[in-house]
Amino acid sequence: MIGSVMMCASTVILLVGMLGGIAMGIRQDFVLGPAHAHLNLIGGVLLFVFGLYYRLVPDAGKGTLAKVQGWLHIIGSIVFPAGVALVILKGEALVAIPILGSLIVLLAMALFAAIVFRTAQA
């Protein structure tokens, strides 16, 4: 179940990221490029790959740890690039937001690593 949620969330996030990239291209204003890149990579690509793993190795996605990992990654993949964008647009005073987002993503990645190593034989 969490694998499907992650894959659906990644598809929406990647669509938003692509639309943002198109908007930047139309305006020829790429100041938010770093936020765009983080949104697409962390929220679109990585989230989809993690969800795909849970679909391919069903035992990996059945536990509470996988649900926690999935929701942390979904939240972090939104907070982190949004925080990067806020720092670019509003200044360094908001640097705590991307830091928090990056730490959430890091925690989610560590949980995913533990899940993969635990279920690698499946």
PDB file of N, CA and C in Angstrom:
ATOM      1  N   MET A   1       0.819  -1.204   0.000  1.00  0.00           N
ATOM      2  CA  MET A   1       0.000   0.000   0.000  1.00  0.00           C
ATOM      3  C   MET A   1       0.865   1.271   0.000  1.00  0.00           C
ATOM      4  N   ILE A   2       1.874   1.336   0.901  1.00  0.00           N
ATOM      5  CA  ILE A   2       2.690   2.549   0.962  1.00  0.00           C
ATOM      6  C   ILE A   2       3.450   2.748  -0.338  1.00  0.00           C
ATOM      7  N   GLY A   3       3.807   1.670  -1.006  1.00  0.00           N
ATOM      8  CA  GLY A   3       4.492   1.804  -2.295  1.00  0.00           C
ATOM      9  C   GLY A   3       3.630   2.520  -3.315  1.00  0.00           C
ATOM     10  N   SER A   4       2.363   2.173  -3.363  1.00  0.00           N
ATOM     11  CA  SER A   4       1.442   2.832  -4.295  1.00  0.00           C
ATOM     12  C   SER A   4       1.243   4.293  -3.932  1.00  0.00           C
ATOM     13  N   VAL A   5       1.130   4.584  -2.630  1.00  0.00           N
ATOM     14  CA  VAL A   5       0.985   5.970  -2.180  1.00  0.00           C
ATOM     15  C   VAL A   5       2.199   6.795  -2.596  1.00  0.00           C
ATOM     16  N   MET A   6       3.384   6.229  -2.401  1.00  0.00           N
ATOM     17  CA  MET A   6       4.612   6.938  -2.749  1.00  0.00           C
ATOM     18  C   MET A   6       4.708   7.180  -4.256  1.00  0.00           C
ATOM     19  N   MET A   7       4.338   6.179  -5.044  1.00  0.00           N
ATOM     20  CA  MET A   7       4.408   6.339  -6.495  1.00  0.00           C
ATOM     21  C   MET A   7       3.408   7.390  -6.982  1.00  0.00           C
ATOM     22  N   CYS A   8       2.215   7.404  -6.404  1.00  0.00           N
ATOM     23  CA  CYS A   8       1.221   8.424  -6.784  1.00  0.00           C
ATOM     24  C   CYS A   8       1.684   9.818  -6.362  1.00  0.00           C
ATOM     25  N   ALA A   9       2.198   9.926  -5.127  1.00  0.00           N
ATOM     26  CA  ALA A   9       2.686  11.224  -4.648  1.00  0.00           C
ATOM     27  C   ALA A   9       3.842  11.708  -5.526  1.00  0.00           C
ATOM     28  N   SER A  10       4.734  10.803  -5.903  1.00  0.00           N
ATOM     29  CA  SER A  10       5.870  11.210  -6.723  1.00  0.00           C
ATOM     30  C   SER A  10       5.424  11.710  -8.084  1.00  0.00           C
ATOM     31  N   THR A  11       4.384  11.098  -8.618  1.00  0.00           N
ATOM     32  CA  THR A  11       3.880  11.519  -9.922  1.00  0.00           C
ATOM     33  C   THR A  11       3.322  12.937  -9.851  1.00  0.00           C
ATOM     34  N   VAL A  12       2.582  13.240  -8.790  1.00  0.00           N
ATOM     35  CA  VAL A  12       2.032  14.590  -8.617  1.00  0.00           C
ATOM     36  C   VAL A  12       3.163  15.596  -8.404  1.00  0.00           C
ATOM     37  N   ILE A  13       4.118  15.242  -7.535  1.00  0.00           N
ATOM     38  CA  ILE A  13       5.246  16.134  -7.256  1.00  0.00           C
ATOM     39  C   ILE A  13       6.057  16.391  -8.526  1.00  0.00           C
ATOM     40  N   LEU A  14       6.311  15.347  -9.300  1.00  0.00           N
ATOM     41  CA  LEU A  14       7.085  15.523 -10.532  1.00  0.00           C
ATOM     42  C   LEU A  14       6.325  16.368 -11.544  1.00  0.00           C
ATOM     43  N   LEU A  15       5.025  16.217 -11.618  1.00  0.00           N
ATOM     44  CA  LEU A  15       4.223  17.047 -12.513  1.00  0.00           C
ATOM     45  C   LEU A  15       4.326  18.521 -12.108  1.00  0.00           C
ATOM     46  N   VAL A  16       4.215  18.795 -10.807  1.00  0.00           N
ATOM     47  CA  VAL A  16       4.360  20.170 -10.317  1.00  0.00           C
ATOM     48  C   VAL A  16       5.761  20.699 -10.641  1.00  0.00           C
ATOM     49  N   GLY A  17       6.789  19.861 -10.413  1.00  0.00           N
ATOM     50  CA  GLY A  17       8.157  20.275 -10.713  1.00  0.00           C
ATOM     51  C   GLY A  17       8.364  20.576 -12.185  1.00  0.00           C
ATOM     52  N   MET A  18       7.796  19.758 -13.041  1.00  0.00           N
ATOM     53  CA  MET A  18       7.935  19.992 -14.482  1.00  0.00           C
ATOM     54  C   MET A  18       7.204  21.262 -14.911  1.00  0.00           C
ATOM     55  N   LEU A  19       6.025  21.477 -14.362  1.00  0.00           N
ATOM     56  CA  LEU A  19       5.293  22.708 -14.679  1.00  0.00           C
ATOM     57  C   LEU A  19       6.079  23.933 -14.217  1.00  0.00           C
ATOM     58  N   GLY A  20       6.697  23.820 -13.036  1.00  0.00           N
ATOM     59  CA  GLY A  20       7.540  24.909 -12.549  1.00  0.00           C
ATOM     60  C   GLY A  20       8.722  25.150 -13.474  1.00  0.00           C
ATOM     61  N   GLY A  21       9.321  24.082 -13.968  1.00  0.00           N
ATOM     62  CA  GLY A  21      10.435  24.213 -14.902  1.00  0.00           C
ATOM     63  C   GLY A  21      10.006  24.870 -16.208  1.00  0.00           C
ATOM     64  N   ILE A  22       8.842  24.503 -16.703  1.00  0.00           N
ATOM     65  CA  ILE A  22       8.320  25.120 -17.920  1.00  0.00           C
ATOM     66  C   ILE A  22       8.054  26.606 -17.690  1.00  0.00           C
ATOM     67  N   ALA A  23       7.485  26.931 -16.532  1.00  0.00           N
ATOM     68  CA  ALA A  23       7.220  28.340 -16.201  1.00  0.00           C
ATOM     69  C   ALA A  23       8.523  29.132 -16.139  1.00  0.00           C
ATOM     70  N   MET A  24       9.559  28.535 -15.538  1.00  0.00           N
ATOM     71  CA  MET A  24      10.860  29.214 -15.497  1.00  0.00           C
ATOM     72  C   MET A  24      11.393  29.433 -16.905  1.00  0.00           C
ATOM     73  N   GLY A  25      11.249  28.424 -17.760  1.00  0.00           N
ATOM     74  CA  GLY A  25      11.727  28.543 -19.133  1.00  0.00           C
ATOM     75  C   GLY A  25      10.990  29.613 -19.912  1.00  0.00           C
ATOM     76  N   ILE A  26       9.693  29.667 -19.738  1.00  0.00           N
ATOM     77  CA  ILE A  26       8.903  30.692 -20.435  1.00  0.00           C
ATOM     78  C   ILE A  26       9.341  32.090 -20.003  1.00  0.00           C
ATOM     79  N   ARG A  27       9.570  32.277 -18.698  1.00  0.00           N
ATOM     80  CA  ARG A  27       9.985  33.591 -18.178  1.00  0.00           C
ATOM     81  C   ARG A  27      11.480  33.846 -18.366  1.00  0.00           C
ATOM     82  N   GLN A  28      12.226  32.782 -18.708  1.00  0.00           N
ATOM     83  CA  GLN A  28      13.692  32.879 -18.790  1.00  0.00           C
ATOM     84  C   GLN A  28      14.271  33.383 -17.468  1.00  0.00           C
ATOM     85  N   ASP A  29      13.678  32.914 -16.368  1.00  0.00           N
ATOM     86  CA  ASP A  29      14.114  33.257 -15.018  1.00  0.00           C
ATOM     87  C   ASP A  29      14.334  31.942 -14.270  1.00  0.00           C
ATOM     88  N   PHE A  30      15.598  31.573 -14.102  1.00  0.00           N
ATOM     89  CA  PHE A  30      15.940  30.279 -13.538  1.00  0.00           C
ATOM     90  C   PHE A  30      16.469  30.393 -12.105  1.00  0.00           C
ATOM     91  N   VAL A  31      16.086  31.446 -11.420  1.00  0.00           N
ATOM     92  CA  VAL A  31      16.573  31.664 -10.064  1.00  0.00           C
ATOM     93  C   VAL A  31      16.136  30.530  -9.123  1.00  0.00           C
ATOM     94  N   LEU A  32      14.991  29.927  -9.394  1.00  0.00           N
ATOM     95  CA  LEU A  32      14.513  28.837  -8.540  1.00  0.00           C
ATOM     96  C   LEU A  32      14.969  27.464  -9.041  1.00  0.00           C
ATOM     97  N   GLY A  33      15.962  27.441  -9.917  1.00  0.00           N
ATOM     98  CA  GLY A  33      16.489  26.190 -10.445  1.00  0.00           C
ATOM     99  C   GLY A  33      16.884  25.176  -9.379  1.00  0.00           C
ATOM    100  N   PRO A  34      17.582  25.593  -8.314  1.00  0.00           N
ATOM    101  CA  PRO A  34      17.936  24.610  -7.278  1.00  0.00           C
ATOM    102  C   PRO A  34      16.715  23.981  -6.606  1.00  0.00           C
ATOM    103  N   ALA A  35      15.688  24.765  -6.343  1.00  0.00           N
ATOM    104  CA  ALA A  35      14.467  24.216  -5.742  1.00  0.00           C
ATOM    105  C   ALA A  35      13.785  23.260  -6.716  1.00  0.00           C
ATOM    106  N   HIS A  36      13.741  23.645  -7.974  1.00  0.00           N
ATOM    107  CA  HIS A  36      13.151  22.818  -9.028  1.00  0.00           C
ATOM    108  C   HIS A  36      13.878  21.473  -9.127  1.00  0.00           C
ATOM    109  N   ALA A  37      15.183  21.511  -9.115  1.00  0.00           N
ATOM    110  CA  ALA A  37      15.979  20.284  -9.228  1.00  0.00           C
ATOM    111  C   ALA A  37      15.760  19.372  -8.026  1.00  0.00           C
ATOM    112  N   HIS A  38      15.749  19.940  -6.821  1.00  0.00           N
ATOM    113  CA  HIS A  38      15.525  19.125  -5.624  1.00  0.00           C
ATOM    114  C   HIS A  38      14.116  18.538  -5.612  1.00  0.00           C
ATOM    115  N   LEU A  39      13.141  19.308  -6.030  1.00  0.00           N
ATOM    116  CA  LEU A  39      11.768  18.816  -6.075  1.00  0.00           C
ATOM    117  C   LEU A  39      11.660  17.629  -7.032  1.00  0.00           C
ATOM    118  N   ASN A  40      12.248  17.774  -8.219  1.00  0.00           N
ATOM    119  CA  ASN A  40      12.159  16.696  -9.200  1.00  0.00           C
ATOM    120  C   ASN A  40      12.937  15.455  -8.774  1.00  0.00           C
ATOM    121  N   LEU A  41      14.141  15.638  -8.259  1.00  0.00           N
ATOM    122  CA  LEU A  41      14.967  14.482  -7.909  1.00  0.00           C
ATOM    123  C   LEU A  41      14.477  13.796  -6.636  1.00  0.00           C
ATOM    124  N   ILE A  42      14.332  14.562  -5.571  1.00  0.00           N
ATOM    125  CA  ILE A  42      13.970  13.957  -4.285  1.00  0.00           C
ATOM    126  C   ILE A  42      12.488  13.595  -4.230  1.00  0.00           C
ATOM    127  N   GLY A  43      11.641  14.497  -4.718  1.00  0.00           N
ATOM    128  CA  GLY A  43      10.208  14.249  -4.653  1.00  0.00           C
ATOM    129  C   GLY A  43       9.682  13.414  -5.794  1.00  0.00           C
ATOM    130  N   GLY A  44      10.274  13.554  -6.962  1.00  0.00           N
ATOM    131  CA  GLY A  44       9.784  12.812  -8.114  1.00  0.00           C
ATOM    132  C   GLY A  44      10.486  11.480  -8.288  1.00  0.00           C
ATOM    133  N   VAL A  45      11.769  11.526  -8.520  1.00  0.00           N
ATOM    134  CA  VAL A  45      12.513  10.318  -8.872  1.00  0.00           C
ATOM    135  C   VAL A  45      12.716   9.386  -7.672  1.00  0.00           C
ATOM    136  N   LEU A  46      13.317   9.894  -6.597  1.00  0.00           N
ATOM    137  CA  LEU A  46      13.601   9.018  -5.463  1.00  0.00           C
ATOM    138  C   LEU A  46      12.334   8.444  -4.855  1.00  0.00           C
ATOM    139  N   LEU A  47      11.323   9.262  -4.700  1.00  0.00           N
ATOM    140  CA  LEU A  47      10.069   8.786  -4.114  1.00  0.00           C
ATOM    141  C   LEU A  47       9.471   7.669  -4.962  1.00  0.00           C
ATOM    142  N   PHE A  48       9.545   7.805  -6.281  1.00  0.00           N
ATOM    143  CA  PHE A  48       9.020   6.768  -7.164  1.00  0.00           C
ATOM    144  C   PHE A  48       9.845   5.486  -7.042  1.00  0.00           C
ATOM    145  N   VAL A  49      11.168   5.618  -7.007  1.00  0.00           N
ATOM    146  CA  VAL A  49      12.041   4.443  -6.895  1.00  0.00           C
ATOM    147  C   VAL A  49      11.772   3.709  -5.579  1.00  0.00           C
ATOM    148  N   PHE A  50      11.631   4.458  -4.482  1.00  0.00           N
ATOM    149  CA  PHE A  50      11.338   3.820  -3.197  1.00  0.00           C
ATOM    150  C   PHE A  50       9.996   3.098  -3.250  1.00  0.00           C
ATOM    151  N   GLY A  51       8.993   3.755  -3.821  1.00  0.00           N
ATOM    152  CA  GLY A  51       7.678   3.126  -3.952  1.00  0.00           C
ATOM    153  C   GLY A  51       7.734   1.882  -4.810  1.00  0.00           C
ATOM    154  N   LEU A  52       8.522   1.942  -5.862  1.00  0.00           N
ATOM    155  CA  LEU A  52       8.684   0.785  -6.740  1.00  0.00           C
ATOM    156  C   LEU A  52       9.323  -0.379  -5.986  1.00  0.00           C
ATOM    157  N   TYR A  53      10.313  -0.096  -5.154  1.00  0.00           N
ATOM    158  CA  TYR A  53      10.938  -1.151  -4.346  1.00  0.00           C
ATOM    159  C   TYR A  53       9.890  -1.825  -3.464  1.00  0.00           C
ATOM    160  N   TYR A  54       9.039  -1.026  -2.831  1.00  0.00           N
ATOM    161  CA  TYR A  54       8.010  -1.592  -1.968  1.00  0.00           C
ATOM    162  C   TYR A  54       7.014  -2.435  -2.758  1.00  0.00           C
ATOM    163  N   ARG A  55       6.778  -2.074  -3.993  1.00  0.00           N
ATOM    164  CA  ARG A  55       5.883  -2.879  -4.837  1.00  0.00           C
ATOM    165  C   ARG A  55       6.575  -4.161  -5.293  1.00  0.00           C
ATOM    166  N   LEU A  56       7.879  -4.090  -5.577  1.00  0.00           N
ATOM    167  CA  LEU A  56       8.616  -5.264  -6.046  1.00  0.00           C
ATOM    168  C   LEU A  56       8.958  -6.236  -4.924  1.00  0.00           C
ATOM    169  N   VAL A  57       9.134  -5.700  -3.716  1.00  0.00           N
ATOM    170  CA  VAL A  57       9.431  -6.527  -2.546  1.00  0.00           C
ATOM    171  C   VAL A  57       8.313  -6.258  -1.527  1.00  0.00           C
ATOM    172  N   PRO A  58       7.177  -6.918  -1.704  1.00  0.00           N
ATOM    173  CA  PRO A  58       5.996  -6.596  -0.883  1.00  0.00           C
ATOM    174  C   PRO A  58       6.232  -6.691   0.623  1.00  0.00           C
ATOM    175  N   ASP A  59       7.065  -7.634   1.061  1.00  0.00           N
ATOM    176  CA  ASP A  59       7.333  -7.747   2.495  1.00  0.00           C
ATOM    177  C   ASP A  59       7.987  -6.487   3.056  1.00  0.00           C
ATOM    178  N   ALA A  60       8.761  -5.792   2.232  1.00  0.00           N
ATOM    179  CA  ALA A  60       9.446  -4.574   2.679  1.00  0.00           C
ATOM    180  C   ALA A  60       8.455  -3.458   2.993  1.00  0.00           C
ATOM    181  N   GLY A  61       7.352  -3.412   2.291  1.00  0.00           N
ATOM    182  CA  GLY A  61       6.393  -2.331   2.463  1.00  0.00           C
ATOM    183  C   GLY A  61       5.260  -2.618   3.421  1.00  0.00           C
ATOM    184  N   LYS A  62       5.272  -3.774   4.072  1.00  0.00           N
ATOM    185  CA  LYS A  62       4.145  -4.159   4.931  1.00  0.00           C
ATOM    186  C   LYS A  62       4.198  -3.589   6.333  1.00  0.00           C
ATOM    187  N   GLY A  63       5.354  -3.283   6.833  1.00  0.00           N
ATOM    188  CA  GLY A  63       5.485  -2.889   8.223  1.00  0.00           C
ATOM    189  C   GLY A  63       5.268  -1.414   8.483  1.00  0.00           C
ATOM    190  N   THR A  64       5.195  -1.104   9.745  1.00  0.00           N
ATOM    191  CA  THR A  64       5.040   0.281  10.187  1.00  0.00           C
ATOM    192  C   THR A  64       6.242   1.122   9.784  1.00  0.00           C
ATOM    193  N   LEU A  65       7.429   0.527   9.827  1.00  0.00           N
ATOM    194  CA  LEU A  65       8.641   1.265   9.472  1.00  0.00           C
ATOM    195  C   LEU A  65       8.567   1.785   8.039  1.00  0.00           C
ATOM    196  N   ALA A  66       8.047   0.983   7.131  1.00  0.00           N
ATOM    197  CA  ALA A  66       7.921   1.416   5.738  1.00  0.00           C
ATOM    198  C   ALA A  66       6.918   2.561   5.614  1.00  0.00           C
ATOM    199  N   LYS A  67       5.843   2.501   6.352  1.00  0.00           N
ATOM    200  CA  LYS A  67       4.856   3.590   6.316  1.00  0.00           C
ATOM    201  C   LYS A  67       5.451   4.890   6.860  1.00  0.00           C
ATOM    202  N   VAL A  68       6.185   4.779   7.958  1.00  0.00           N
ATOM    203  CA  VAL A  68       6.846   5.951   8.531  1.00  0.00           C
ATOM    204  C   VAL A  68       7.856   6.503   7.532  1.00  0.00           C
ATOM    205  N   GLN A  69       8.654   5.628   6.945  1.00  0.00           N
ATOM    206  CA  GLN A  69       9.653   6.053   5.965  1.00  0.00           C
ATOM    207  C   GLN A  69       8.993   6.747   4.779  1.00  0.00           C
ATOM    208  N   GLY A  70       7.931   6.152   4.278  1.00  0.00           N
ATOM    209  CA  GLY A  70       7.244   6.722   3.122  1.00  0.00           C
ATOM    210  C   GLY A  70       6.687   8.106   3.394  1.00  0.00           C
ATOM    211  N   TRP A  71       5.978   8.246   4.509  1.00  0.00           N
ATOM    212  CA  TRP A  71       5.383   9.553   4.817  1.00  0.00           C
ATOM    213  C   TRP A  71       6.445  10.594   5.154  1.00  0.00           C
ATOM    214  N   LEU A  72       7.517  10.168   5.833  1.00  0.00           N
ATOM    215  CA  LEU A  72       8.612  11.117   6.088  1.00  0.00           C
ATOM    216  C   LEU A  72       9.210  11.608   4.776  1.00  0.00           C
ATOM    217  N   HIS A  73       9.403  10.689   3.831  1.00  0.00           N
ATOM    218  CA  HIS A  73      10.003  11.108   2.559  1.00  0.00           C
ATOM    219  C   HIS A  73       9.060  12.023   1.780  1.00  0.00           C
ATOM    220  N   ILE A  74       7.772  11.723   1.803  1.00  0.00           N
ATOM    221  CA  ILE A  74       6.808  12.591   1.120  1.00  0.00           C
ATOM    222  C   ILE A  74       6.849  13.996   1.720  1.00  0.00           C
ATOM    223  N   ILE A  75       6.805  14.076   3.036  1.00  0.00           N
ATOM    224  CA  ILE A  75       6.825  15.384   3.714  1.00  0.00           C
ATOM    225  C   ILE A  75       8.148  16.107   3.447  1.00  0.00           C
ATOM    226  N   GLY A  76       9.255  15.389   3.637  1.00  0.00           N
ATOM    227  CA  GLY A  76      10.564  16.001   3.435  1.00  0.00           C
ATOM    228  C   GLY A  76      10.809  16.442   2.003  1.00  0.00           C
ATOM    229  N   SER A  77      10.279  15.687   1.047  1.00  0.00           N
ATOM    230  CA  SER A  77      10.509  16.036  -0.353  1.00  0.00           C
ATOM    231  C   SER A  77       9.711  17.259  -0.786  1.00  0.00           C
ATOM    232  N   ILE A  78       8.776  17.665   0.035  1.00  0.00           N
ATOM    233  CA  ILE A  78       8.049  18.918  -0.212  1.00  0.00           C
ATOM    234  C   ILE A  78       8.665  20.063   0.593  1.00  0.00           C
ATOM    235  N   VAL A  79       8.933  19.801   1.870  1.00  0.00           N
ATOM    236  CA  VAL A  79       9.480  20.846   2.756  1.00  0.00           C
ATOM    237  C   VAL A  79      10.863  21.300   2.293  1.00  0.00           C
ATOM    238  N   PHE A  80      11.724  20.360   1.918  1.00  0.00           N
ATOM    239  CA  PHE A  80      13.092  20.713   1.536  1.00  0.00           C
ATOM    240  C   PHE A  80      13.144  21.663   0.333  1.00  0.00           C
ATOM    241  N   PRO A  81      12.574  21.304  -0.821  1.00  0.00           N
ATOM    242  CA  PRO A  81      12.650  22.240  -1.958  1.00  0.00           C
ATOM    243  C   PRO A  81      11.844  23.516  -1.734  1.00  0.00           C
ATOM    244  N   ALA A  82      10.733  23.417  -1.010  1.00  0.00           N
ATOM    245  CA  ALA A  82       9.976  24.638  -0.704  1.00  0.00           C
ATOM    246  C   ALA A  82      10.827  25.568   0.152  1.00  0.00           C
ATOM    247  N   GLY A  83      11.570  24.995   1.092  1.00  0.00           N
ATOM    248  CA  GLY A  83      12.465  25.796   1.917  1.00  0.00           C
ATOM    249  C   GLY A  83      13.592  26.412   1.113  1.00  0.00           C
ATOM    250  N   VAL A  84      14.136  25.653   0.167  1.00  0.00           N
ATOM    251  CA  VAL A  84      15.179  26.200  -0.713  1.00  0.00           C
ATOM    252  C   VAL A  84      14.618  27.403  -1.476  1.00  0.00           C
ATOM    253  N   ALA A  85      13.410  27.248  -2.010  1.00  0.00           N
ATOM    254  CA  ALA A  85      12.781  28.353  -2.747  1.00  0.00           C
ATOM    255  C   ALA A  85      12.561  29.563  -1.847  1.00  0.00           C
ATOM    256  N   LEU A  86      12.114  29.333  -0.624  1.00  0.00           N
ATOM    257  CA  LEU A  86      11.889  30.453   0.300  1.00  0.00           C
ATOM    258  C   LEU A  86      13.183  31.181   0.630  1.00  0.00           C
ATOM    259  N   VAL A  87      14.257  30.430   0.828  1.00  0.00           N
ATOM    260  CA  VAL A  87      15.549  31.073   1.116  1.00  0.00           C
ATOM    261  C   VAL A  87      16.002  31.897  -0.083  1.00  0.00           C
ATOM    262  N   ILE A  88      15.831  31.363  -1.288  1.00  0.00           N
ATOM    263  CA  ILE A  88      16.225  32.106  -2.492  1.00  0.00           C
ATOM    264  C   ILE A  88      15.413  33.389  -2.622  1.00  0.00           C
ATOM    265  N   LEU A  89      14.110  33.285  -2.379  1.00  0.00           N
ATOM    266  CA  LEU A  89      13.217  34.436  -2.596  1.00  0.00           C
ATOM    267  C   LEU A  89      13.162  35.411  -1.425  1.00  0.00           C
ATOM    268  N   LYS A  90      13.253  34.882  -0.200  1.00  0.00           N
ATOM    269  CA  LYS A  90      13.028  35.728   0.984  1.00  0.00           C
ATOM    270  C   LYS A  90      14.259  35.939   1.854  1.00  0.00           C
ATOM    271  N   GLY A  91      15.301  35.147   1.638  1.00  0.00           N
ATOM    272  CA  GLY A  91      16.533  35.388   2.375  1.00  0.00           C
ATOM    273  C   GLY A  91      16.891  34.310   3.380  1.00  0.00           C
ATOM    274  N   GLU A  92      18.104  34.452   3.871  1.00  0.00           N
ATOM    275  CA  GLU A  92      18.718  33.472   4.769  1.00  0.00           C
ATOM    276  C   GLU A  92      18.007  33.313   6.103  1.00  0.00           C
ATOM    277  N   ALA A  93      17.156  34.236   6.478  1.00  0.00           N
ATOM    278  CA  ALA A  93      16.451  34.126   7.756  1.00  0.00           C
ATOM    279  C   ALA A  93      15.581  32.869   7.809  1.00  0.00           C
ATOM    280  N   LEU A  94      15.229  32.314   6.652  1.00  0.00           N
ATOM    281  CA  LEU A  94      14.359  31.142   6.591  1.00  0.00           C
ATOM    282  C   LEU A  94      15.131  29.840   6.354  1.00  0.00           C
ATOM    283  N   VAL A  95      16.435  29.877   6.584  1.00  0.00           N
ATOM    284  CA  VAL A  95      17.288  28.723   6.290  1.00  0.00           C
ATOM    285  C   VAL A  95      16.917  27.489   7.116  1.00  0.00           C
ATOM    286  N   ALA A  96      16.238  27.671   8.225  1.00  0.00           N
ATOM    287  CA  ALA A  96      15.840  26.518   9.046  1.00  0.00           C
ATOM    288  C   ALA A  96      14.874  25.594   8.301  1.00  0.00           C
ATOM    289  N   ILE A  97      14.105  26.139   7.379  1.00  0.00           N
ATOM    290  CA  ILE A  97      13.113  25.319   6.667  1.00  0.00           C
ATOM    291  C   ILE A  97      13.786  24.286   5.767  1.00  0.00           C
ATOM    292  N   PRO A  98      14.700  24.679   4.878  1.00  0.00           N
ATOM    293  CA  PRO A  98      15.346  23.626   4.081  1.00  0.00           C
ATOM    294  C   PRO A  98      16.231  22.703   4.915  1.00  0.00           C
ATOM    295  N   ILE A  99      16.780  23.219   6.001  1.00  0.00           N
ATOM    296  CA  ILE A  99      17.572  22.351   6.877  1.00  0.00           C
ATOM    297  C   ILE A  99      16.668  21.274   7.478  1.00  0.00           C
ATOM    298  N   LEU A 100      15.507  21.672   7.978  1.00  0.00           N
ATOM    299  CA  LEU A 100      14.557  20.707   8.530  1.00  0.00           C
ATOM    300  C   LEU A 100      14.129  19.706   7.455  1.00  0.00           C
ATOM    301  N   GLY A 101      13.804  20.210   6.280  1.00  0.00           N
ATOM    302  CA  GLY A 101      13.393  19.329   5.192  1.00  0.00           C
ATOM    303  C   GLY A 101      14.477  18.335   4.815  1.00  0.00           C
ATOM    304  N   SER A 102      15.721  18.807   4.754  1.00  0.00           N
ATOM    305  CA  SER A 102      16.821  17.907   4.385  1.00  0.00           C
ATOM    306  C   SER A 102      17.057  16.854   5.462  1.00  0.00           C
ATOM    307  N   LEU A 103      16.883  17.225   6.712  1.00  0.00           N
ATOM    308  CA  LEU A 103      17.046  16.248   7.799  1.00  0.00           C
ATOM    309  C   LEU A 103      15.921  15.213   7.783  1.00  0.00           C
ATOM    310  N   ILE A 104      14.722  15.632   7.438  1.00  0.00           N
ATOM    311  CA  ILE A 104      13.609  14.685   7.301  1.00  0.00           C
ATOM    312  C   ILE A 104      13.898  13.697   6.183  1.00  0.00           C
ATOM    313  N   VAL A 105      14.380  14.206   5.045  1.00  0.00           N
ATOM    314  CA  VAL A 105      14.717  13.338   3.914  1.00  0.00           C
ATOM    315  C   VAL A 105      15.863  12.401   4.291  1.00  0.00           C
ATOM    316  N   LEU A 106      16.847  12.902   5.007  1.00  0.00           N
ATOM    317  CA  LEU A 106      17.966  12.069   5.444  1.00  0.00           C
ATOM    318  C   LEU A 106      17.485  10.943   6.362  1.00  0.00           C
ATOM    319  N   LEU A 107      16.612  11.268   7.298  1.00  0.00           N
ATOM    320  CA  LEU A 107      16.054  10.248   8.189  1.00  0.00           C
ATOM    321  C   LEU A 107      15.276   9.206   7.380  1.00  0.00           C
ATOM    322  N   ALA A 108      14.466   9.674   6.433  1.00  0.00           N
ATOM    323  CA  ALA A 108      13.710   8.746   5.585  1.00  0.00           C
ATOM    324  C   ALA A 108      14.651   7.843   4.796  1.00  0.00           C
ATOM    325  N   MET A 109      15.751   8.400   4.299  1.00  0.00           N
ATOM    326  CA  MET A 109      16.725   7.605   3.543  1.00  0.00           C
ATOM    327  C   MET A 109      17.383   6.566   4.443  1.00  0.00           C
ATOM    328  N   ALA A 110      17.717   6.951   5.672  1.00  0.00           N
ATOM    329  CA  ALA A 110      18.324   6.002   6.612  1.00  0.00           C
ATOM    330  C   ALA A 110      17.351   4.861   6.924  1.00  0.00           C
ATOM    331  N   LEU A 111      16.080   5.191   7.109  1.00  0.00           N
ATOM    332  CA  LEU A 111      15.078   4.150   7.345  1.00  0.00           C
ATOM    333  C   LEU A 111      14.950   3.236   6.126  1.00  0.00           C
ATOM    334  N   PHE A 112      14.972   3.840   4.935  1.00  0.00           N
ATOM    335  CA  PHE A 112      14.884   3.036   3.719  1.00  0.00           C
ATOM    336  C   PHE A 112      16.093   2.103   3.609  1.00  0.00           C
ATOM    337  N   ALA A 113      17.274   2.599   3.928  1.00  0.00           N
ATOM    338  CA  ALA A 113      18.473   1.753   3.887  1.00  0.00           C
ATOM    339  C   ALA A 113      18.317   0.573   4.838  1.00  0.00           C
ATOM    340  N   ALA A 114      17.805   0.820   6.033  1.00  0.00           N
ATOM    341  CA  ALA A 114      17.590  -0.268   6.994  1.00  0.00           C
ATOM    342  C   ALA A 114      16.587  -1.282   6.445  1.00  0.00           C
ATOM    343  N   ILE A 115      15.535  -0.792   5.806  1.00  0.00           N
ATOM    344  CA  ILE A 115      14.519  -1.685   5.232  1.00  0.00           C
ATOM    345  C   ILE A 115      15.116  -2.513   4.105  1.00  0.00           C
ATOM    346  N   VAL A 116      15.897  -1.884   3.248  1.00  0.00           N
ATOM    347  CA  VAL A 116      16.506  -2.609   2.119  1.00  0.00           C
ATOM    348  C   VAL A 116      17.457  -3.683   2.629  1.00  0.00           C
ATOM    349  N   PHE A 117      18.313  -3.356   3.582  1.00  0.00           N
ATOM    350  CA  PHE A 117      19.253  -4.351   4.098  1.00  0.00           C
ATOM    351  C   PHE A 117      18.528  -5.485   4.817  1.00  0.00           C
ATOM    352  N   ARG A 118      17.417  -5.157   5.464  1.00  0.00           N
ATOM    353  CA  ARG A 118      16.646  -6.178   6.175  1.00  0.00           C
ATOM    354  C   ARG A 118      15.929  -7.119   5.211  1.00  0.00           C
ATOM    355  N   THR A 119      15.539  -6.601   4.058  1.00  0.00           N
ATOM    356  CA  THR A 119      14.729  -7.392   3.123  1.00  0.00           C
ATOM    357  C   THR A 119      15.486  -7.752   1.840  1.00  0.00           C
ATOM    358  N   ALA A 120      16.792  -7.593   1.827  1.00  0.00           N
ATOM    359  CA  ALA A 120      17.578  -7.820   0.608  1.00  0.00           C
ATOM    360  C   ALA A 120      17.506  -9.267   0.129  1.00  0.00           C
ATOM    361  N   GLN A 121      17.256 -10.204   0.998  1.00  0.00           N
ATOM    362  CA  GLN A 121      17.205 -11.598   0.594  1.00  0.00           C
ATOM    363  C   GLN A 121      15.876 -11.971  -0.048  1.00  0.00           C
ATOM    364  N   ALA A 122      14.876 -11.125   0.079  1.00  0.00           N
ATOM    365  CA  ALA A 122      13.529 -11.459  -0.437  1.00  0.00           C
ATOM    366  C   ALA A 122      13.496 -11.518  -1.944  1.00  0.00           C
TER     367      ALA A 122
END
